[in-house]
Protein backbone atom coordinates (compact mmCIF):
# COMPACT_ATOMS: atom_id res chain seq x y z
CA MET A 1 137.06 432.86 210.32
CA SER A 2 138.00 432.29 213.97
CA GLN A 3 138.09 428.86 214.03
CA THR A 4 140.25 428.50 210.70
CA HIS A 5 144.91 427.45 210.68
CA ILE A 6 146.36 429.92 210.47
CA LYS A 7 149.87 429.20 208.74
CA THR A 8 151.70 432.14 209.11
CA LYS A 9 150.88 435.22 211.09
CA SER A 10 153.12 438.76 210.54
CA ASP A 11 153.17 442.52 210.80
CA VAL A 12 153.36 442.40 206.78
CA ILE A 13 152.33 440.30 203.22
CA LEU A 14 153.67 441.08 200.35
CA ILE A 15 152.22 438.87 197.49
CA GLY A 16 154.53 438.52 194.92
CA ALA A 17 158.28 438.20 194.44
CA GLY A 18 159.14 441.24 192.06
CA ILE A 19 161.47 444.05 192.03
CA MET A 20 158.84 446.20 194.20
CA SER A 21 157.87 443.33 196.90
CA ALA A 22 161.72 443.20 197.70
CA THR A 23 162.24 447.20 197.51
CA LEU A 24 159.26 447.56 199.99
CA GLY A 25 160.37 444.53 201.82
CA VAL A 26 164.22 445.62 202.20
CA LEU A 27 163.05 449.50 202.57
CA LEU A 28 160.50 448.17 206.07
CA LYS A 29 163.44 446.12 207.45
CA GLU A 30 165.94 448.40 207.54
CA LEU A 31 163.12 450.66 209.04
CA ASP A 32 161.96 448.78 211.31
CA PRO A 33 163.87 445.28 212.56
CA SER A 34 161.77 443.93 214.42
CA LEU A 35 158.32 443.47 211.58
CA THR A 36 157.48 440.46 210.52
CA ILE A 37 157.28 440.20 207.20
CA THR A 38 156.10 437.03 204.65
CA VAL A 39 156.47 436.22 201.35
CA LEU A 40 154.34 434.82 198.80
CA GLU A 41 155.44 433.79 195.40
CA ARG A 42 153.71 431.35 193.04
CA LEU A 43 156.53 430.80 190.60
CA ASP A 44 159.59 429.04 191.97
CA ALA A 45 162.00 432.31 192.19
CA GLY A 46 161.93 436.00 192.29
CA ALA A 47 161.61 437.96 189.53
CA ARG A 48 159.92 435.25 186.92
CA GLU A 49 157.59 437.82 185.47
CA SER A 50 157.43 441.52 184.46
CA SER A 51 161.07 442.11 186.93
CA ASN A 52 162.71 439.04 184.51
CA ALA A 53 165.20 440.78 182.42
CA TRP A 54 163.68 439.09 179.04
CA ASN A 55 160.24 439.59 179.98
CA ASN A 56 159.41 443.59 180.39
CA ALA A 57 162.08 444.98 183.40
CA GLY A 58 165.28 445.33 181.08
CA THR A 59 166.50 448.61 181.31
CA GLY A 60 167.21 451.69 183.18
CA HIS A 61 163.80 454.32 182.54
CA SER A 62 165.39 457.19 182.73
CA ALA A 63 163.66 458.98 180.75
CA PHE A 64 167.58 460.01 178.92
CA CYS A 65 165.86 458.89 175.29
CA GLU A 66 162.28 457.95 175.72
CA LEU A 67 160.55 459.64 173.76
CA ASN A 68 156.89 458.67 174.97
CA TYR A 69 157.73 461.12 178.53
CA THR A 70 158.16 464.39 176.22
CA PRO A 71 154.74 465.08 174.17
CA GLU A 72 154.17 467.46 172.62
CA LYS A 73 151.34 469.76 172.80
CA VAL A 74 148.92 471.04 170.52
CA ASN A 75 151.17 474.74 170.60
CA GLY A 76 154.44 473.06 170.14
CA GLU A 77 155.65 472.64 172.95
CA ILE A 78 157.17 470.03 174.62
CA ASP A 79 155.83 469.15 177.96
CA ILE A 80 158.83 467.66 179.84
CA SER A 81 156.90 467.29 183.40
CA LYS A 82 156.81 463.53 183.08
CA ALA A 83 160.56 462.86 182.01
CA LEU A 84 161.40 465.21 184.42
CA LYS A 85 159.60 463.10 187.34
CA ILE A 86 160.79 459.82 185.82
CA ALA A 87 164.39 460.99 185.49
CA SER A 88 164.48 462.27 189.01
CA ASN A 89 162.95 459.63 191.02
CA TYR A 90 165.69 457.14 188.56
CA GLU A 91 167.88 458.89 191.17
CA LEU A 92 166.67 457.53 194.03
CA SER A 93 166.66 454.25 192.60
CA LYS A 94 170.30 454.62 192.21
CA GLU A 95 170.96 456.10 195.49
CA PHE A 96 169.02 453.43 197.86
CA TRP A 97 170.33 450.62 195.24
CA THR A 98 173.94 451.84 196.22
CA TYR A 99 173.38 452.07 199.95
CA LEU A 100 172.44 448.33 199.72
CA VAL A 101 175.76 447.62 197.95
CA SER A 102 177.67 450.03 199.88
CA ASN A 103 176.85 447.54 203.08
CA LYS A 104 177.06 444.36 201.15
CA HIS A 105 173.55 443.87 201.45
CA ILE A 106 173.15 442.33 197.77
CA LEU A 107 175.85 441.59 194.80
CA ASP A 108 178.11 444.34 193.46
CA SER A 109 176.94 446.94 191.28
CA ASP A 110 178.51 444.96 188.42
CA LYS A 111 176.49 442.28 188.34
CA PHE A 112 172.64 443.89 187.97
CA ILE A 113 174.01 447.67 186.49
CA HIS A 114 176.53 449.07 183.47
CA SER A 115 176.55 452.19 182.01
CA ILE A 116 175.43 452.52 178.65
CA PRO A 117 174.61 455.23 176.93
CA HIS A 118 171.35 456.03 175.29
CA PHE A 119 170.01 457.65 172.40
CA SER A 120 167.06 458.99 170.35
CA PHE A 121 167.11 458.93 166.85
CA VAL A 122 164.92 459.92 164.48
CA TRP A 123 164.70 460.44 160.57
CA GLY A 124 162.06 463.49 158.98
CA GLU A 125 161.87 467.29 159.27
CA GLU A 126 159.18 467.04 161.08
CA ASN A 127 160.78 464.44 163.75
CA VAL A 128 164.24 466.35 163.41
CA SER A 129 162.56 469.61 164.17
CA PHE A 130 160.30 467.98 167.38
CA LEU A 131 163.60 466.24 168.75
CA LYS A 132 165.49 469.39 168.63
CA ARG A 133 162.88 471.27 170.93
CA ARG A 134 162.93 468.21 172.90
CA TYR A 135 166.45 468.38 173.49
CA GLU A 136 166.50 472.36 174.31
CA ALA A 137 163.44 471.86 176.89
CA LEU A 138 165.38 469.25 178.72
CA LYS A 139 168.66 470.40 178.57
CA ALA A 140 167.48 473.83 180.83
CA ASP A 141 167.57 471.53 183.50
CA PRO A 142 170.79 469.96 185.46
CA LEU A 143 168.87 465.86 185.12
CA PHE A 144 169.64 466.53 181.63
CA GLU A 145 172.77 469.08 180.79
CA ASP A 146 174.86 466.53 179.81
CA MET A 147 172.35 465.77 176.75
CA GLN A 148 174.16 466.34 173.07
CA TYR A 149 172.42 466.85 170.35
CA THR A 150 173.75 466.49 166.47
CA GLU A 151 172.64 466.57 162.85
CA ASP A 152 175.97 465.72 161.99
CA ARG A 153 175.67 461.91 159.97
CA ALA A 154 179.33 461.53 160.64
CA LEU A 155 179.53 461.99 164.32
CA LEU A 156 175.89 459.86 164.28
CA SER A 157 177.99 457.27 162.65
CA LYS A 158 180.29 457.18 165.63
CA TRP A 159 177.43 456.94 168.03
CA MET A 160 175.60 454.85 166.45
CA PRO A 161 177.12 452.59 163.36
CA LEU A 162 174.61 449.90 162.89
CA VAL A 163 171.74 452.43 162.51
CA MET A 164 173.93 454.97 160.08
CA LYS A 165 175.25 452.59 157.30
CA ASN A 166 173.03 452.33 154.46
CA ARG A 167 171.05 454.62 155.69
CA ASP A 168 169.40 457.03 153.08
CA PRO A 169 171.61 460.43 152.82
CA TYR A 170 168.95 462.49 151.41
CA ILE A 171 166.58 462.25 154.73
CA PRO A 172 167.78 464.21 157.55
CA VAL A 173 168.40 463.08 160.31
CA ALA A 174 168.85 464.16 164.09
CA GLY A 175 170.00 461.85 167.50
CA THR A 176 170.77 462.56 170.90
CA ARG A 177 172.95 460.85 173.54
CA MET A 178 173.42 460.50 177.17
CA ASP A 179 176.15 458.71 178.56
CA LEU A 180 175.24 459.46 181.75
CA GLY A 181 173.00 455.82 180.72
CA THR A 182 172.39 452.66 182.60
CA ASP A 183 171.32 449.03 181.54
CA VAL A 184 169.42 447.10 184.52
CA ASP A 185 169.06 443.34 185.04
CA PHE A 186 166.00 443.74 187.56
CA GLY A 187 166.11 440.13 187.82
CA THR A 188 168.98 439.56 188.78
CA LEU A 189 168.77 442.89 191.30
CA THR A 190 165.52 441.42 192.73
CA ARG A 191 166.91 437.64 193.37
CA SER A 192 169.91 439.81 195.08
CA ILE A 193 167.55 441.61 197.37
CA PHE A 194 165.49 438.39 198.46
CA LYS A 195 168.31 436.58 199.42
CA TYR A 196 169.39 439.19 201.99
CA LEU A 197 166.11 439.57 202.87
CA GLU A 198 165.60 435.99 204.06
CA LYS A 199 168.66 435.87 205.90
CA LEU A 200 167.32 438.20 208.20
CA GLU A 201 165.30 437.03 211.27
CA GLY A 202 161.38 437.35 211.23
CA VAL A 203 161.06 437.00 207.32
CA THR A 204 159.28 434.16 205.52
CA ILE A 205 159.66 433.79 201.80
CA SER A 206 157.60 430.98 200.75
CA TYR A 207 157.88 429.94 197.11
CA TYR A 208 154.63 427.73 194.91
CA GLU A 209 152.15 430.61 196.77
CA HIS A 210 149.06 430.76 194.81
CA VAL A 211 147.43 433.58 196.00
CA LYS A 212 143.47 432.76 196.07
CA ASP A 213 141.22 435.35 198.10
CA LEU A 214 141.90 437.92 200.66
CA GLU A 215 139.82 439.45 203.14
CA ARG A 216 139.35 441.36 206.23
CA GLU A 217 138.34 440.18 209.45
CA PRO A 218 136.79 442.20 211.74
CA ASN A 219 139.67 442.16 214.16
CA GLY A 220 141.09 444.40 210.82
CA LEU A 221 143.35 441.92 209.89
CA TRP A 222 143.55 440.45 206.85
CA ASN A 223 142.85 436.58 205.99
CA LEU A 224 144.56 435.86 203.20
CA THR A 225 144.06 432.15 201.52
CA SER A 226 146.90 430.59 199.19
CA THR A 227 147.35 427.12 197.29
CA ASN A 228 150.95 425.25 197.85
CA ILE A 229 150.96 424.60 194.60
CA LEU A 230 153.30 421.38 195.11
CA SER A 231 151.14 419.78 198.17
CA HIS A 232 147.84 420.89 197.15
CA GLU A 233 147.06 422.18 200.02
CA LYS A 234 145.10 425.55 201.18
CA GLU A 235 147.08 427.44 203.58
CA HIS A 236 145.95 430.52 205.12
CA HIS A 237 148.09 434.10 206.10
CA GLU A 238 147.46 437.06 208.68
CA ALA A 239 149.36 440.40 208.85
CA SER A 240 147.98 443.65 209.49
CA PHE A 241 149.44 445.01 205.75
CA VAL A 242 148.97 443.60 202.86
CA PHE A 243 150.83 444.98 199.46
CA ILE A 244 150.03 443.01 196.01
CA GLY A 245 152.25 443.41 193.75
CA ALA A 246 152.09 440.41 191.75
CA GLY A 247 152.34 442.17 188.57
CA GLY A 248 149.78 441.58 185.72
CA GLY A 249 148.42 439.09 189.02
CA SER A 250 147.33 442.41 191.16
CA LEU A 251 144.18 443.41 189.79
CA PRO A 252 142.06 439.96 190.42
CA LEU A 253 143.92 440.35 193.92
CA LEU A 254 142.94 443.90 194.30
CA GLU A 255 138.85 443.10 193.07
CA LYS A 256 138.44 440.44 195.96
CA SER A 257 139.75 442.51 198.55
CA ASP A 258 136.18 443.83 198.47
CA ILE A 259 137.93 448.01 198.65
CA PRO A 260 136.10 450.58 197.68
CA GLU A 261 138.62 452.29 196.62
CA ALA A 262 138.86 449.60 194.16
CA LYS A 263 135.79 449.74 192.50
CA GLY A 264 135.22 450.89 188.39
CA PHE A 265 139.67 449.33 188.03
CA GLY A 266 139.71 447.09 184.63
CA GLY A 267 142.99 446.01 183.65
CA PHE A 268 143.59 445.59 179.11
CA PRO A 269 146.49 442.93 178.51
CA VAL A 270 149.12 443.08 175.98
CA SER A 271 152.02 440.19 175.35
CA GLY A 272 155.21 441.74 174.24
CA GLN A 273 158.24 439.91 171.92
CA TRP A 274 161.55 440.81 170.76
CA LEU A 275 163.83 439.88 167.68
CA ARG A 276 167.09 439.09 169.82
CA CYS A 277 170.20 439.09 168.03
CA LYS A 278 171.55 435.29 166.93
CA ASN A 279 175.16 436.44 165.44
CA ARG A 280 177.58 437.91 168.17
CA GLU A 281 179.50 439.85 165.21
CA VAL A 282 176.43 442.16 165.41
CA VAL A 283 175.67 442.36 168.99
CA GLU A 284 179.37 443.36 169.80
CA ALA A 285 179.57 446.47 167.19
CA HIS A 286 176.46 447.79 169.24
CA PHE A 287 177.01 449.39 172.05
CA ALA A 288 174.31 451.64 173.14
CA LYS A 289 169.87 451.75 173.50
CA VAL A 290 168.92 453.55 170.11
CA TYR A 291 165.11 454.19 171.06
CA GLY A 292 162.92 456.34 167.83
CA LYS A 293 159.34 457.78 167.88
CA ALA A 294 156.03 455.20 167.93
CA SER A 295 154.53 455.04 164.03
CA VAL A 296 151.48 457.45 164.15
CA GLY A 297 148.30 456.32 164.91
CA SER A 298 150.46 453.63 167.28
CA PRO A 299 150.23 453.55 171.19
CA PRO A 300 153.23 455.40 173.48
CA MET A 301 153.78 451.83 174.54
CA SER A 302 155.16 450.95 171.74
CA VAL A 303 158.13 453.02 171.37
CA PRO A 304 160.71 450.92 169.14
CA HIS A 305 164.39 450.38 170.41
CA LEU A 306 167.61 449.04 169.47
CA ASP A 307 168.84 448.06 172.73
CA THR A 308 171.92 446.36 174.17
CA ARG A 309 171.15 444.80 177.56
CA VAL A 310 173.37 442.53 179.89
CA ILE A 311 171.74 439.68 181.05
CA GLU A 312 173.09 437.68 183.38
CA GLY A 313 176.06 438.94 182.99
CA LYS A 314 175.76 438.36 178.53
CA LYS A 315 175.64 440.92 176.18
CA GLU A 316 172.60 440.60 174.21
CA LEU A 317 170.85 442.47 171.67
CA LEU A 318 166.90 443.47 171.07
CA PHE A 319 164.67 445.24 168.63
CA GLY A 320 161.28 445.83 169.72
CA PRO A 321 158.88 445.18 171.49
CA TYR A 322 156.21 443.99 169.19
CA ALA A 323 152.95 443.85 170.84
CA GLY A 324 150.25 441.11 171.10
CA PHE A 325 146.91 440.52 171.40
CA THR A 326 146.06 437.85 174.54
CA THR A 327 143.78 437.41 177.68
CA LYS A 328 146.67 436.59 179.63
CA PHE A 329 147.32 438.94 182.54
CA LEU A 330 150.28 436.81 183.66
CA LYS A 331 153.20 435.45 181.09
CA LYS A 332 152.42 431.77 182.97
CA GLY A 333 149.07 432.72 183.45
CA SER A 334 145.47 431.86 182.50
CA TYR A 335 143.53 432.77 178.79
CA PHE A 336 140.80 433.13 181.61
CA ASP A 337 142.32 435.55 182.90
CA LEU A 338 140.30 439.01 181.39
CA ALA A 339 137.06 437.90 181.91
CA LYS A 340 137.66 436.73 185.23
CA SER A 341 138.53 440.50 186.51
CA LEU A 342 134.97 441.22 185.11
CA GLU A 343 132.61 442.68 187.71
CA LEU A 344 130.05 444.80 187.75
CA GLY A 345 131.91 448.20 188.94
CA ASN A 346 134.25 448.01 186.10
CA ILE A 347 132.66 446.43 183.15
CA PHE A 348 130.98 449.71 181.96
CA PRO A 349 134.46 451.32 182.21
CA MET A 350 136.38 448.56 180.34
CA ILE A 351 133.49 448.58 177.90
CA SER A 352 133.87 452.21 177.33
CA ALA A 353 137.49 452.30 177.53
CA GLY A 354 137.61 449.57 174.37
CA MET A 355 134.96 451.77 172.25
CA HIS A 356 137.77 454.88 172.57
CA ASN A 357 140.85 453.31 172.36
CA LEU A 358 139.07 450.47 169.04
CA PRO A 359 142.48 451.86 167.00
CA LEU A 360 145.05 450.15 169.42
CA THR A 361 143.13 446.72 169.79
CA LYS A 362 143.55 446.89 165.59
CA TYR A 363 146.89 447.46 166.37
CA LEU A 364 147.13 444.87 168.51
CA ILE A 365 145.72 442.44 166.31
CA GLY A 366 147.59 443.52 163.53
CA GLN A 367 151.06 443.06 165.62
CA ALA A 368 150.22 439.81 166.33
CA MET A 369 150.10 439.20 162.47
CA GLN A 370 153.17 439.57 161.86
CA SER A 371 155.49 437.91 160.20
CA HIS A 372 159.00 437.57 160.74
CA GLU A 373 159.80 439.30 157.35
CA ASP A 374 157.56 442.63 158.50
CA ARG A 375 158.80 442.33 161.53
CA MET A 376 162.51 442.76 160.04
CA GLU A 377 160.95 445.42 157.62
CA SER A 378 160.56 447.22 161.33
CA LEU A 379 164.30 446.34 162.59
CA ARG A 380 165.94 448.00 159.23
CA GLU A 381 164.03 450.91 160.12
CA TYR A 382 167.04 451.18 162.40
CA PHE A 383 169.44 448.85 161.52
CA PRO A 384 169.23 449.05 157.89
CA ASN A 385 171.65 445.94 157.08
CA ALA A 386 169.77 443.41 159.05
CA LYS A 387 169.38 440.11 158.23
CA ASN A 388 167.12 437.79 158.49
CA ASP A 389 169.07 434.73 159.68
CA ASP A 390 170.52 436.52 162.63
CA TRP A 391 167.34 437.39 164.30
CA GLU A 392 164.68 435.27 166.21
CA LEU A 393 161.78 436.11 168.24
CA VAL A 394 161.43 435.38 171.52
CA ILE A 395 158.57 436.09 173.67
CA ALA A 396 158.85 438.96 176.57
CA GLY A 397 156.02 439.28 179.35
CA GLN A 398 152.67 440.88 179.99
CA ARG A 399 151.45 444.34 180.42
CA VAL A 400 147.99 444.82 182.08
CA GLN A 401 147.34 448.37 181.14
CA VAL A 402 145.53 450.16 184.41
CA ILE A 403 141.42 451.09 182.99
CA LYS A 404 139.95 453.40 184.96
CA SER A 405 136.62 454.52 185.88
CA ASP A 406 135.68 458.42 184.59
CA GLU A 407 133.21 460.31 184.60
CA LYS A 408 132.79 462.41 181.35
CA GLU A 409 134.66 458.92 179.29
CA GLY A 410 133.12 456.52 181.13
CA GLY A 411 136.30 454.66 181.10
CA VAL A 412 139.80 455.69 180.21
CA LEU A 413 143.45 453.79 179.41
CA GLU A 414 146.47 454.87 181.25
CA PHE A 415 149.76 453.87 180.30
CA GLY A 416 151.74 454.07 183.14
CA THR A 417 152.04 452.45 187.28
CA GLU A 418 149.49 453.44 189.76
CA VAL A 419 148.81 452.56 193.41
CA VAL A 420 145.82 451.88 194.45
CA PHE A 421 145.60 452.46 198.33
CA ALA A 422 142.94 451.06 201.18
CA LYS A 423 141.37 454.23 202.97
CA ASP A 424 143.21 453.14 206.62
CA GLY A 425 146.67 452.10 205.13
CA SER A 426 146.13 448.67 205.63
CA LEU A 427 146.33 447.57 201.91
CA ALA A 428 148.18 448.90 198.48
CA ALA A 429 148.28 447.11 195.25
CA LEU A 430 150.09 448.41 192.60
CA LEU A 431 148.50 447.94 189.06
CA GLY A 432 150.26 449.35 185.65
CA ALA A 433 153.78 449.10 183.78
CA SER A 434 156.64 450.84 182.28
CA PRO A 435 158.50 452.71 183.91
CA GLY A 436 157.50 450.93 187.16
CA ALA A 437 160.67 448.66 187.84
CA SER A 438 163.00 452.32 187.20
CA THR A 439 160.59 453.82 189.54
CA SER A 440 160.49 451.44 191.87
CA VAL A 441 162.09 453.42 194.74
CA SER A 442 159.85 455.87 194.69
CA ILE A 443 157.02 454.24 194.40
CA MET A 444 157.88 452.21 197.34
CA LEU A 445 158.44 455.39 199.00
CA GLU A 446 154.47 456.73 198.40
CA VAL A 447 153.63 453.54 199.61
CA LEU A 448 155.09 453.82 203.06
CA ALA A 449 153.71 457.71 203.02
CA ASP A 450 150.20 456.73 202.15
CA CYS A 451 150.02 453.39 204.68
CA PHE A 452 152.54 454.43 207.06
CA PRO A 453 151.67 457.67 207.16
CA GLU A 454 152.79 458.92 210.91
CA LYS A 455 156.25 456.20 211.05
CA MET A 456 156.97 458.06 207.99
CA LYS A 457 157.00 461.72 210.14
CA SER A 458 158.95 460.59 213.47
CA GLN A 459 163.14 461.43 213.21
CA ALA A 460 164.00 457.98 213.15
CA TRP A 461 162.63 456.75 209.73
CA VAL A 462 163.06 460.03 208.23
CA GLY A 463 166.56 460.02 209.66
CA LYS A 464 167.11 456.08 208.47
CA LEU A 465 165.40 457.26 204.85
CA LYS A 466 168.20 459.90 204.42
CA GLU A 467 170.61 457.66 205.42
CA MET A 468 169.65 454.88 202.75
CA ILE A 469 168.69 458.25 200.13
CA PRO A 470 170.36 461.05 200.97
CA SER A 471 168.71 463.51 198.92
CA PHE A 472 164.85 462.36 200.49
CA GLY A 473 162.71 465.12 201.07
CA GLU A 474 164.69 467.50 198.62
CA LYS A 475 164.14 468.35 195.41
CA LEU A 476 166.30 466.80 191.92
CA ILE A 477 163.97 468.83 189.82
CA GLY A 478 166.07 472.38 188.91
CA ASN A 479 168.49 471.89 191.86
CA LYS A 480 171.82 471.30 190.20
CA LYS A 481 174.09 470.51 193.09
CA LEU A 482 171.87 468.54 194.57
CA CYS A 483 171.89 466.48 191.09
CA LEU A 484 175.47 466.54 191.10
CA ASP A 485 176.74 465.42 194.64
CA THR A 486 173.59 462.78 193.99
CA ARG A 487 174.76 461.92 190.48
CA ASN A 488 179.18 461.62 191.28
CA ARG A 489 178.40 459.28 194.66
CA THR A 490 176.34 456.58 193.22
CA ASN A 491 178.46 456.39 189.85
CA ALA A 492 181.69 456.24 192.03
CA GLU A 493 179.67 453.20 194.48
CA LEU A 494 177.76 451.77 191.55
CA GLN A 495 181.50 451.84 189.07
CA LEU A 496 179.41 453.42 186.60
CA ASN A 497 180.25 456.27 183.65
CA LYS A 498 183.70 455.03 183.92
CA GLY A 499 184.54 455.25 180.31
CA TYR A 500 183.71 452.94 177.64
CA ALA A 501 184.59 451.94 174.02
CA VAL A 502 182.47 453.86 171.43
CA HIS A 503 182.58 450.92 168.18
């Protein structure tokens, strides 16, 4: 490699122009303006895949309404640990966005984040019991103390009229409400961050760059090989630190890095679909994110929701997600992605995970074979008066669920986000899916802690982090004063929770 022509030399290379790379890039430049950063993205702009609001990242996951984050234990207790973690991590994201907005680094907040109440809604005695116990467990912590619970149909009809109209009066129902809920257009936010980054000295953002390979040089630097999609020329890029934040494309690149820590990782791709409402009267009649409980036997990622979103300034109403079986790792990927990801080190974990998750495979195939009427029947469980002609199917993005080797099971399928680090901190790769985008700041702080440990202990970096994220280093969970102070500050700057009409 010593005779290879290097197109770019930088301290940091970020692969993929999604919300994760954007967040890490701006954190690093704020902490150390002298750092040089190269961003390599294979598409024509940022946030074209998982960070796009029409794909997977179109909401503000804060665990207020997502019932899959509070599983029920065998003894009947509700495990709220994941919900508390996600809720506190989302507050970190809002703090960081507050810093970016207040310093005029990105667009005004009303261009990417809006207050929209978050509801959980269930029916049937067993589910009502679950929701009440969930409410009682969560409300004990300051992060959730504003949550409301009711089984009163009249009040539920005020909260979510479309959901309650013409519902069977003899089936018990219940709902929770959090007015602190938000909706985030991560596509707009991501592109705004990159627009700021590209103005900074020492930052190079290259689109149409398809990274094909990376390897560690004897001198400790990473050499990346990419192909320019427009010119078809092979190019080389050199850096001492690499972050792989390429969504579904992260796993193949992690495998090519040959770091020992990547051994045994595999991926299970899942496609997503939404029903989008075309009737503007219906869209305007609903102002909420209403999450239900996944059907028995379906995976936790399948939690259905009737979801108000604001995408590029326009209010939309979506229902889903509906899953589908695919072998692609990216929406604009290849059907050979899954086959190409197979290696000697991960074949057994992937086969083992597949054997242990045959119901999931059956579920995905069943979802892919559904007709429009089948999907509408699912929607009518949440919106009884839904009309077929008012809704159309739109294709969302791809998710690649993490598969890990496991001593007992051989291989296990993980639902969530995971970062794989090289032991020396020279490389980090992000794998997995939800609630990724919403907790991007906490995840990138984890990357900084593992890959820049000494600098993260320095007075300069700690001081700057406290400026950007005032609660940094403190625990929001169980801390009522800190939680209240943090939310008051971020809500004021981001113009959140200022009041809205409940239709």
